[in-house]
Amino acid sequence: MPDGTEIEGPADLRRALLSRPEQFVQALTGKLMMYALGREIAPHDMPQVRAIVRDAAKNDYRFSSIVAGIVSSDAFRMQALEE
């Protein structure tokens, strides 16, 4: 792991990811948002990503909360107007 934690199997990986759920969910949200937008995430997108993660935390980081946050984000809704 980036912090030097040794991973020896799936159980260790699971524990490492669960020890910092916000970091994992932020990375996942950024990747999903990149896919949804069809472009790289820019620095100006990060406040929206962090807001989605904060809102998802209220629902125990449920995947459906992340997807709903992405779909209702300004970046996603405004991309249709740009095309």
PDB file of N, CA and C in Angstrom:
ATOM      1  N   MET A   1       0.849  -1.174   0.000  1.00  0.00           N
ATOM      2  CA  MET A   1       0.000   0.000   0.000  1.00  0.00           C
ATOM      3  C   MET A   1       0.897   1.241   0.000  1.00  0.00           C
ATOM      4  N   PRO A   2       0.367   2.375  -0.420  1.00  0.00           N
ATOM      5  CA  PRO A   2       1.176   3.598  -0.466  1.00  0.00           C
ATOM      6  C   PRO A   2       1.800   3.990   0.871  1.00  0.00           C
ATOM      7  N   ASP A   3       1.145   3.629   1.973  1.00  0.00           N
ATOM      8  CA  ASP A   3       1.692   4.002   3.284  1.00  0.00           C
ATOM      9  C   ASP A   3       2.681   2.970   3.828  1.00  0.00           C
ATOM     10  N   GLY A   4       2.997   1.947   3.037  1.00  0.00           N
ATOM     11  CA  GLY A   4       3.961   0.937   3.443  1.00  0.00           C
ATOM     12  C   GLY A   4       3.352  -0.295   4.080  1.00  0.00           C
ATOM     13  N   THR A   5       2.043  -0.334   4.225  1.00  0.00           N
ATOM     14  CA  THR A   5       1.358  -1.484   4.805  1.00  0.00           C
ATOM     15  C   THR A   5       1.550  -2.696   3.900  1.00  0.00           C
ATOM     16  N   GLU A   6       1.977  -3.784   4.488  1.00  0.00           N
ATOM     17  CA  GLU A   6       2.163  -5.035   3.745  1.00  0.00           C
ATOM     18  C   GLU A   6       0.812  -5.706   3.521  1.00  0.00           C
ATOM     19  N   ILE A   7       0.585  -6.167   2.305  1.00  0.00           N
ATOM     20  CA  ILE A   7      -0.633  -6.885   1.946  1.00  0.00           C
ATOM     21  C   ILE A   7      -0.230  -8.297   1.571  1.00  0.00           C
ATOM     22  N   GLU A   8      -0.777  -9.267   2.270  1.00  0.00           N
ATOM     23  CA  GLU A   8      -0.402 -10.659   2.023  1.00  0.00           C
ATOM     24  C   GLU A   8      -1.544 -11.495   1.456  1.00  0.00           C
ATOM     25  N   GLY A   9      -2.657 -10.900   1.190  1.00  0.00           N
ATOM     26  CA  GLY A   9      -3.763 -11.657   0.627  1.00  0.00           C
ATOM     27  C   GLY A   9      -5.025 -10.815   0.579  1.00  0.00           C
ATOM     28  N   PRO A  10      -6.116 -11.395   0.097  1.00  0.00           N
ATOM     29  CA  PRO A  10      -7.374 -10.668  -0.025  1.00  0.00           C
ATOM     30  C   PRO A  10      -7.903 -10.126   1.305  1.00  0.00           C
ATOM     31  N   ALA A  11      -7.715 -10.874   2.366  1.00  0.00           N
ATOM     32  CA  ALA A  11      -8.219 -10.423   3.669  1.00  0.00           C
ATOM     33  C   ALA A  11      -7.472  -9.166   4.126  1.00  0.00           C
ATOM     34  N   ASP A  12      -6.161  -9.128   3.900  1.00  0.00           N
ATOM     35  CA  ASP A  12      -5.383  -7.936   4.256  1.00  0.00           C
ATOM     36  C   ASP A  12      -5.790  -6.744   3.401  1.00  0.00           C
ATOM     37  N   LEU A  13      -6.026  -6.990   2.121  1.00  0.00           N
ATOM     38  CA  LEU A  13      -6.458  -5.903   1.231  1.00  0.00           C
ATOM     39  C   LEU A  13      -7.799  -5.349   1.681  1.00  0.00           C
ATOM     40  N   ARG A  14      -8.716  -6.222   2.015  1.00  0.00           N
ATOM     41  CA  ARG A  14     -10.030  -5.785   2.492  1.00  0.00           C
ATOM     42  C   ARG A  14      -9.904  -4.938   3.759  1.00  0.00           C
ATOM     43  N   ARG A  15      -9.103  -5.387   4.713  1.00  0.00           N
ATOM     44  CA  ARG A  15      -8.901  -4.610   5.940  1.00  0.00           C
ATOM     45  C   ARG A  15      -8.285  -3.250   5.648  1.00  0.00           C
ATOM     46  N   ALA A  16      -7.321  -3.205   4.738  1.00  0.00           N
ATOM     47  CA  ALA A  16      -6.668  -1.937   4.403  1.00  0.00           C
ATOM     48  C   ALA A  16      -7.654  -0.968   3.755  1.00  0.00           C
ATOM     49  N   LEU A  17      -8.485  -1.467   2.864  1.00  0.00           N
ATOM     50  CA  LEU A  17      -9.464  -0.599   2.203  1.00  0.00           C
ATOM     51  C   LEU A  17     -10.532  -0.121   3.178  1.00  0.00           C
ATOM     52  N   LEU A  18     -10.957  -0.999   4.071  1.00  0.00           N
ATOM     53  CA  LEU A  18     -11.990  -0.628   5.037  1.00  0.00           C
ATOM     54  C   LEU A  18     -11.472   0.298   6.130  1.00  0.00           C
ATOM     55  N   SER A  19     -10.159   0.350   6.313  1.00  0.00           N
ATOM     56  CA  SER A  19      -9.613   1.240   7.336  1.00  0.00           C
ATOM     57  C   SER A  19      -9.679   2.707   6.906  1.00  0.00           C
ATOM     58  N   ARG A  20      -9.786   2.952   5.606  1.00  0.00           N
ATOM     59  CA  ARG A  20      -9.882   4.323   5.077  1.00  0.00           C
ATOM     60  C   ARG A  20     -10.970   4.377   3.999  1.00  0.00           C
ATOM     61  N   PRO A  21     -12.218   4.210   4.380  1.00  0.00           N
ATOM     62  CA  PRO A  21     -13.273   4.120   3.366  1.00  0.00           C
ATOM     63  C   PRO A  21     -13.404   5.385   2.520  1.00  0.00           C
ATOM     64  N   GLU A  22     -13.176   6.551   3.113  1.00  0.00           N
ATOM     65  CA  GLU A  22     -13.357   7.786   2.344  1.00  0.00           C
ATOM     66  C   GLU A  22     -12.355   7.881   1.193  1.00  0.00           C
ATOM     67  N   GLN A  23     -11.117   7.463   1.421  1.00  0.00           N
ATOM     68  CA  GLN A  23     -10.117   7.501   0.350  1.00  0.00           C
ATOM     69  C   GLN A  23     -10.497   6.567  -0.788  1.00  0.00           C
ATOM     70  N   PHE A  24     -10.927   5.357  -0.435  1.00  0.00           N
ATOM     71  CA  PHE A  24     -11.324   4.395  -1.464  1.00  0.00           C
ATOM     72  C   PHE A  24     -12.525   4.913  -2.246  1.00  0.00           C
ATOM     73  N   VAL A  25     -13.526   5.421  -1.539  1.00  0.00           N
ATOM     74  CA  VAL A  25     -14.743   5.899  -2.201  1.00  0.00           C
ATOM     75  C   VAL A  25     -14.440   7.122  -3.060  1.00  0.00           C
ATOM     76  N   GLN A  26     -13.533   7.989  -2.634  1.00  0.00           N
ATOM     77  CA  GLN A  26     -13.189   9.151  -3.451  1.00  0.00           C
ATOM     78  C   GLN A  26     -12.504   8.717  -4.742  1.00  0.00           C
ATOM     79  N   ALA A  27     -11.604   7.745  -4.661  1.00  0.00           N
ATOM     80  CA  ALA A  27     -10.944   7.242  -5.864  1.00  0.00           C
ATOM     81  C   ALA A  27     -11.963   6.577  -6.794  1.00  0.00           C
ATOM     82  N   LEU A  28     -12.847   5.771  -6.229  1.00  0.00           N
ATOM     83  CA  LEU A  28     -13.884   5.111  -7.024  1.00  0.00           C
ATOM     84  C   LEU A  28     -14.805   6.130  -7.678  1.00  0.00           C
ATOM     85  N   THR A  29     -15.221   7.128  -6.914  1.00  0.00           N
ATOM     86  CA  THR A  29     -16.115   8.159  -7.437  1.00  0.00           C
ATOM     87  C   THR A  29     -15.447   8.931  -8.569  1.00  0.00           C
ATOM     88  N   GLY A  30     -14.191   9.257  -8.404  1.00  0.00           N
ATOM     89  CA  GLY A  30     -13.464   9.960  -9.465  1.00  0.00           C
ATOM     90  C   GLY A  30     -13.407   9.149 -10.741  1.00  0.00           C
ATOM     91  N   LYS A  31     -13.138   7.861 -10.626  1.00  0.00           N
ATOM     92  CA  LYS A  31     -13.077   6.989 -11.809  1.00  0.00           C
ATOM     93  C   LYS A  31     -14.450   6.835 -12.460  1.00  0.00           C
ATOM     94  N   LEU A  32     -15.490   6.664 -11.640  1.00  0.00           N
ATOM     95  CA  LEU A  32     -16.841   6.543 -12.197  1.00  0.00           C
ATOM     96  C   LEU A  32     -17.274   7.846 -12.870  1.00  0.00           C
ATOM     97  N   MET A  33     -16.905   8.960 -12.262  1.00  0.00           N
ATOM     98  CA  MET A  33     -17.272  10.249 -12.844  1.00  0.00           C
ATOM     99  C   MET A  33     -16.537  10.461 -14.171  1.00  0.00           C
ATOM    100  N   MET A  34     -15.283  10.048 -14.218  1.00  0.00           N
ATOM    101  CA  MET A  34     -14.516  10.149 -15.455  1.00  0.00           C
ATOM    102  C   MET A  34     -15.206   9.340 -16.556  1.00  0.00           C
ATOM    103  N   TYR A  35     -15.651   8.146 -16.226  1.00  0.00           N
ATOM    104  CA  TYR A  35     -16.365   7.313 -17.193  1.00  0.00           C
ATOM    105  C   TYR A  35     -17.673   7.983 -17.617  1.00  0.00           C
ATOM    106  N   ALA A  36     -18.416   8.508 -16.653  1.00  0.00           N
ATOM    107  CA  ALA A  36     -19.715   9.124 -16.947  1.00  0.00           C
ATOM    108  C   ALA A  36     -19.567  10.369 -17.811  1.00  0.00           C
ATOM    109  N   LEU A  37     -18.502  11.131 -17.581  1.00  0.00           N
ATOM    110  CA  LEU A  37     -18.300  12.363 -18.339  1.00  0.00           C
ATOM    111  C   LEU A  37     -17.608  12.124 -19.675  1.00  0.00           C
ATOM    112  N   GLY A  38     -16.946  10.979 -19.800  1.00  0.00           N
ATOM    113  CA  GLY A  38     -16.232  10.688 -21.032  1.00  0.00           C
ATOM    114  C   GLY A  38     -14.972  11.527 -21.194  1.00  0.00           C
ATOM    115  N   ARG A  39     -14.412  11.958 -20.081  1.00  0.00           N
ATOM    116  CA  ARG A  39     -13.187  12.768 -20.116  1.00  0.00           C
ATOM    117  C   ARG A  39     -12.458  12.623 -18.786  1.00  0.00           C
ATOM    118  N   GLU A  40     -11.223  13.106 -18.765  1.00  0.00           N
ATOM    119  CA  GLU A  40     -10.452  13.108 -17.527  1.00  0.00           C
ATOM    120  C   GLU A  40     -11.089  14.062 -16.523  1.00  0.00           C
ATOM    121  N   ILE A  41     -10.898  13.771 -15.259  1.00  0.00           N
ATOM    122  CA  ILE A  41     -11.383  14.659 -14.205  1.00  0.00           C
ATOM    123  C   ILE A  41     -10.407  15.823 -14.082  1.00  0.00           C
ATOM    124  N   ALA A  42     -10.938  17.031 -14.102  1.00  0.00           N
ATOM    125  CA  ALA A  42     -10.128  18.240 -13.978  1.00  0.00           C
ATOM    126  C   ALA A  42     -10.166  18.719 -12.526  1.00  0.00           C
ATOM    127  N   PRO A  43      -9.209  19.546 -12.139  1.00  0.00           N
ATOM    128  CA  PRO A  43      -9.212  20.064 -10.759  1.00  0.00           C
ATOM    129  C   PRO A  43     -10.529  20.741 -10.370  1.00  0.00           C
ATOM    130  N   HIS A  44     -11.184  21.385 -11.334  1.00  0.00           N
ATOM    131  CA  HIS A  44     -12.453  22.046 -10.992  1.00  0.00           C
ATOM    132  C   HIS A  44     -13.596  21.051 -10.750  1.00  0.00           C
ATOM    133  N   ASP A  45     -13.391  19.771 -11.063  1.00  0.00           N
ATOM    134  CA  ASP A  45     -14.390  18.731 -10.784  1.00  0.00           C
ATOM    135  C   ASP A  45     -14.285  18.184  -9.367  1.00  0.00           C
ATOM    136  N   MET A  46     -13.142  18.374  -8.727  1.00  0.00           N
ATOM    137  CA  MET A  46     -12.902  17.752  -7.423  1.00  0.00           C
ATOM    138  C   MET A  46     -13.862  18.202  -6.318  1.00  0.00           C
ATOM    139  N   PRO A  47     -14.294  19.472  -6.267  1.00  0.00           N
ATOM    140  CA  PRO A  47     -15.290  19.811  -5.239  1.00  0.00           C
ATOM    141  C   PRO A  47     -16.578  18.991  -5.379  1.00  0.00           C
ATOM    142  N   GLN A  48     -16.982  18.722  -6.622  1.00  0.00           N
ATOM    143  CA  GLN A  48     -18.177  17.903  -6.825  1.00  0.00           C
ATOM    144  C   GLN A  48     -17.929  16.461  -6.401  1.00  0.00           C
ATOM    145  N   VAL A  49     -16.743  15.936  -6.696  1.00  0.00           N
ATOM    146  CA  VAL A  49     -16.405  14.567  -6.288  1.00  0.00           C
ATOM    147  C   VAL A  49     -16.437  14.470  -4.764  1.00  0.00           C
ATOM    148  N   ARG A  50     -15.830  15.439  -4.087  1.00  0.00           N
ATOM    149  CA  ARG A  50     -15.815  15.409  -2.617  1.00  0.00           C
ATOM    150  C   ARG A  50     -17.221  15.537  -2.041  1.00  0.00           C
ATOM    151  N   ALA A  51     -18.077  16.342  -2.679  1.00  0.00           N
ATOM    152  CA  ALA A  51     -19.460  16.490  -2.212  1.00  0.00           C
ATOM    153  C   ALA A  51     -20.224  15.172  -2.377  1.00  0.00           C
ATOM    154  N   ILE A  52     -19.991  14.482  -3.472  1.00  0.00           N
ATOM    155  CA  ILE A  52     -20.637  13.182  -3.694  1.00  0.00           C
ATOM    156  C   ILE A  52     -20.200  12.195  -2.624  1.00  0.00           C
ATOM    157  N   VAL A  53     -18.915  12.196  -2.292  1.00  0.00           N
ATOM    158  CA  VAL A  53     -18.397  11.289  -1.262  1.00  0.00           C
ATOM    159  C   VAL A  53     -18.999  11.632   0.101  1.00  0.00           C
ATOM    160  N   ARG A  54     -19.079  12.918   0.419  1.00  0.00           N
ATOM    161  CA  ARG A  54     -19.684  13.324   1.706  1.00  0.00           C
ATOM    162  C   ARG A  54     -21.138  12.876   1.792  1.00  0.00           C
ATOM    163  N   ASP A  55     -21.888  13.068   0.703  1.00  0.00           N
ATOM    164  CA  ASP A  55     -23.293  12.653   0.700  1.00  0.00           C
ATOM    165  C   ASP A  55     -23.427  11.134   0.788  1.00  0.00           C
ATOM    166  N   ALA A  56     -22.550  10.412   0.109  1.00  0.00           N
ATOM    167  CA  ALA A  56     -22.591   8.950   0.148  1.00  0.00           C
ATOM    168  C   ALA A  56     -22.254   8.429   1.542  1.00  0.00           C
ATOM    169  N   ALA A  57     -21.433   9.164   2.287  1.00  0.00           N
ATOM    170  CA  ALA A  57     -21.076   8.747   3.648  1.00  0.00           C
ATOM    171  C   ALA A  57     -22.310   8.672   4.536  1.00  0.00           C
ATOM    172  N   LYS A  58     -23.287   9.519   4.278  1.00  0.00           N
ATOM    173  CA  LYS A  58     -24.522   9.514   5.070  1.00  0.00           C
ATOM    174  C   LYS A  58     -25.305   8.218   4.876  1.00  0.00           C
ATOM    175  N   ASN A  59     -25.043   7.518   3.754  1.00  0.00           N
ATOM    176  CA  ASN A  59     -25.717   6.243   3.446  1.00  0.00           C
ATOM    177  C   ASN A  59     -24.734   5.083   3.466  1.00  0.00           C
ATOM    178  N   ASP A  60     -23.712   5.180   4.319  1.00  0.00           N
ATOM    179  CA  ASP A  60     -22.702   4.122   4.446  1.00  0.00           C
ATOM    180  C   ASP A  60     -22.006   3.819   3.118  1.00  0.00           C
ATOM    181  N   TYR A  61     -21.774   4.842   2.320  1.00  0.00           N
ATOM    182  CA  TYR A  61     -21.063   4.734   1.045  1.00  0.00           C
ATOM    183  C   TYR A  61     -21.705   3.723   0.102  1.00  0.00           C
ATOM    184  N   ARG A  62     -23.015   3.683   0.099  1.00  0.00           N
ATOM    185  CA  ARG A  62     -23.714   2.758  -0.807  1.00  0.00           C
ATOM    186  C   ARG A  62     -23.417   3.148  -2.251  1.00  0.00           C
ATOM    187  N   PHE A  63     -23.223   2.129  -3.086  1.00  0.00           N
ATOM    188  CA  PHE A  63     -22.916   2.358  -4.492  1.00  0.00           C
ATOM    189  C   PHE A  63     -24.010   3.182  -5.158  1.00  0.00           C
ATOM    190  N   SER A  64     -25.258   2.901  -4.805  1.00  0.00           N
ATOM    191  CA  SER A  64     -26.373   3.640  -5.394  1.00  0.00           C
ATOM    192  C   SER A  64     -26.309   5.122  -5.040  1.00  0.00           C
ATOM    193  N   SER A  65     -25.798   5.448  -3.866  1.00  0.00           N
ATOM    194  CA  SER A  65     -25.647   6.848  -3.474  1.00  0.00           C
ATOM    195  C   SER A  65     -24.579   7.544  -4.313  1.00  0.00           C
ATOM    196  N   ILE A  66     -23.514   6.818  -4.604  1.00  0.00           N
ATOM    197  CA  ILE A  66     -22.449   7.379  -5.435  1.00  0.00           C
ATOM    198  C   ILE A  66     -22.967   7.639  -6.842  1.00  0.00           C
ATOM    199  N   VAL A  67     -23.649   6.652  -7.419  1.00  0.00           N
ATOM    200  CA  VAL A  67     -24.173   6.796  -8.779  1.00  0.00           C
ATOM    201  C   VAL A  67     -25.199   7.934  -8.831  1.00  0.00           C
ATOM    202  N   ALA A  68     -26.087   7.997  -7.856  1.00  0.00           N
ATOM    203  CA  ALA A  68     -27.079   9.082  -7.830  1.00  0.00           C
ATOM    204  C   ALA A  68     -26.396  10.443  -7.720  1.00  0.00           C
ATOM    205  N   GLY A  69     -25.340  10.521  -6.939  1.00  0.00           N
ATOM    206  CA  GLY A  69     -24.607  11.776  -6.817  1.00  0.00           C
ATOM    207  C   GLY A  69     -23.956  12.191  -8.121  1.00  0.00           C
ATOM    208  N   ILE A  70     -23.395  11.237  -8.833  1.00  0.00           N
ATOM    209  CA  ILE A  70     -22.764  11.544 -10.122  1.00  0.00           C
ATOM    210  C   ILE A  70     -23.807  12.010 -11.124  1.00  0.00           C
ATOM    211  N   VAL A  71     -24.914  11.301 -11.201  1.00  0.00           N
ATOM    212  CA  VAL A  71     -25.961  11.644 -12.169  1.00  0.00           C
ATOM    213  C   VAL A  71     -26.576  13.007 -11.878  1.00  0.00           C
ATOM    214  N   SER A  72     -26.651  13.387 -10.615  1.00  0.00           N
ATOM    215  CA  SER A  72     -27.243  14.684 -10.277  1.00  0.00           C
ATOM    216  C   SER A  72     -26.204  15.808 -10.217  1.00  0.00           C
ATOM    217  N   SER A  73     -24.933  15.497 -10.462  1.00  0.00           N
ATOM    218  CA  SER A  73     -23.888  16.529 -10.407  1.00  0.00           C
ATOM    219  C   SER A  73     -24.013  17.496 -11.577  1.00  0.00           C
ATOM    220  N   ASP A  74     -23.558  18.716 -11.356  1.00  0.00           N
ATOM    221  CA  ASP A  74     -23.578  19.724 -12.420  1.00  0.00           C
ATOM    222  C   ASP A  74     -22.734  19.283 -13.606  1.00  0.00           C
ATOM    223  N   ALA A  75     -21.587  18.679 -13.351  1.00  0.00           N
ATOM    224  CA  ALA A  75     -20.696  18.258 -14.435  1.00  0.00           C
ATOM    225  C   ALA A  75     -21.397  17.269 -15.362  1.00  0.00           C
ATOM    226  N   PHE A  76     -22.141  16.324 -14.794  1.00  0.00           N
ATOM    227  CA  PHE A  76     -22.833  15.335 -15.612  1.00  0.00           C
ATOM    228  C   PHE A  76     -24.021  15.948 -16.341  1.00  0.00           C
ATOM    229  N   ARG A  77     -24.811  16.744 -15.634  1.00  0.00           N
ATOM    230  CA  ARG A  77     -25.990  17.333 -16.242  1.00  0.00           C
ATOM    231  C   ARG A  77     -25.634  18.362 -17.312  1.00  0.00           C
ATOM    232  N   MET A  78     -24.546  19.091 -17.134  1.00  0.00           N
ATOM    233  CA  MET A  78     -24.172  20.136 -18.096  1.00  0.00           C
ATOM    234  C   MET A  78     -23.490  19.578 -19.328  1.00  0.00           C
ATOM    235  N   GLN A  79     -22.968  18.363 -19.269  1.00  0.00           N
ATOM    236  CA  GLN A  79     -22.280  17.819 -20.440  1.00  0.00           C
ATOM    237  C   GLN A  79     -23.240  17.630 -21.603  1.00  0.00           C
ATOM    238  N   ALA A  80     -24.492  17.314 -21.349  1.00  0.00           N
ATOM    239  CA  ALA A  80     -25.471  17.138 -22.415  1.00  0.00           C
ATOM    240  C   ALA A  80     -25.731  18.455 -23.134  1.00  0.00           C
ATOM    241  N   LEU A  81     -25.649  19.558 -22.406  1.00  0.00           N
ATOM    242  CA  LEU A  81     -25.865  20.862 -23.020  1.00  0.00           C
ATOM    243  C   LEU A  81     -24.698  21.288 -23.900  1.00  0.00           C
ATOM    244  N   GLU A  82     -23.504  20.790 -23.607  1.00  0.00           N
ATOM    245  CA  GLU A  82     -22.312  21.166 -24.350  1.00  0.00           C
ATOM    246  C   GLU A  82     -22.257  20.487 -25.701  1.00  0.00           C
ATOM    247  N   GLU A  83     -22.894  19.335 -25.851  1.00  0.00           N
ATOM    248  CA  GLU A  83     -22.798  18.558 -27.104  1.00  0.00           C
ATOM    249  C   GLU A  83     -23.660  19.107 -28.181  1.00  0.00           C
TER     250      GLU A  83
END
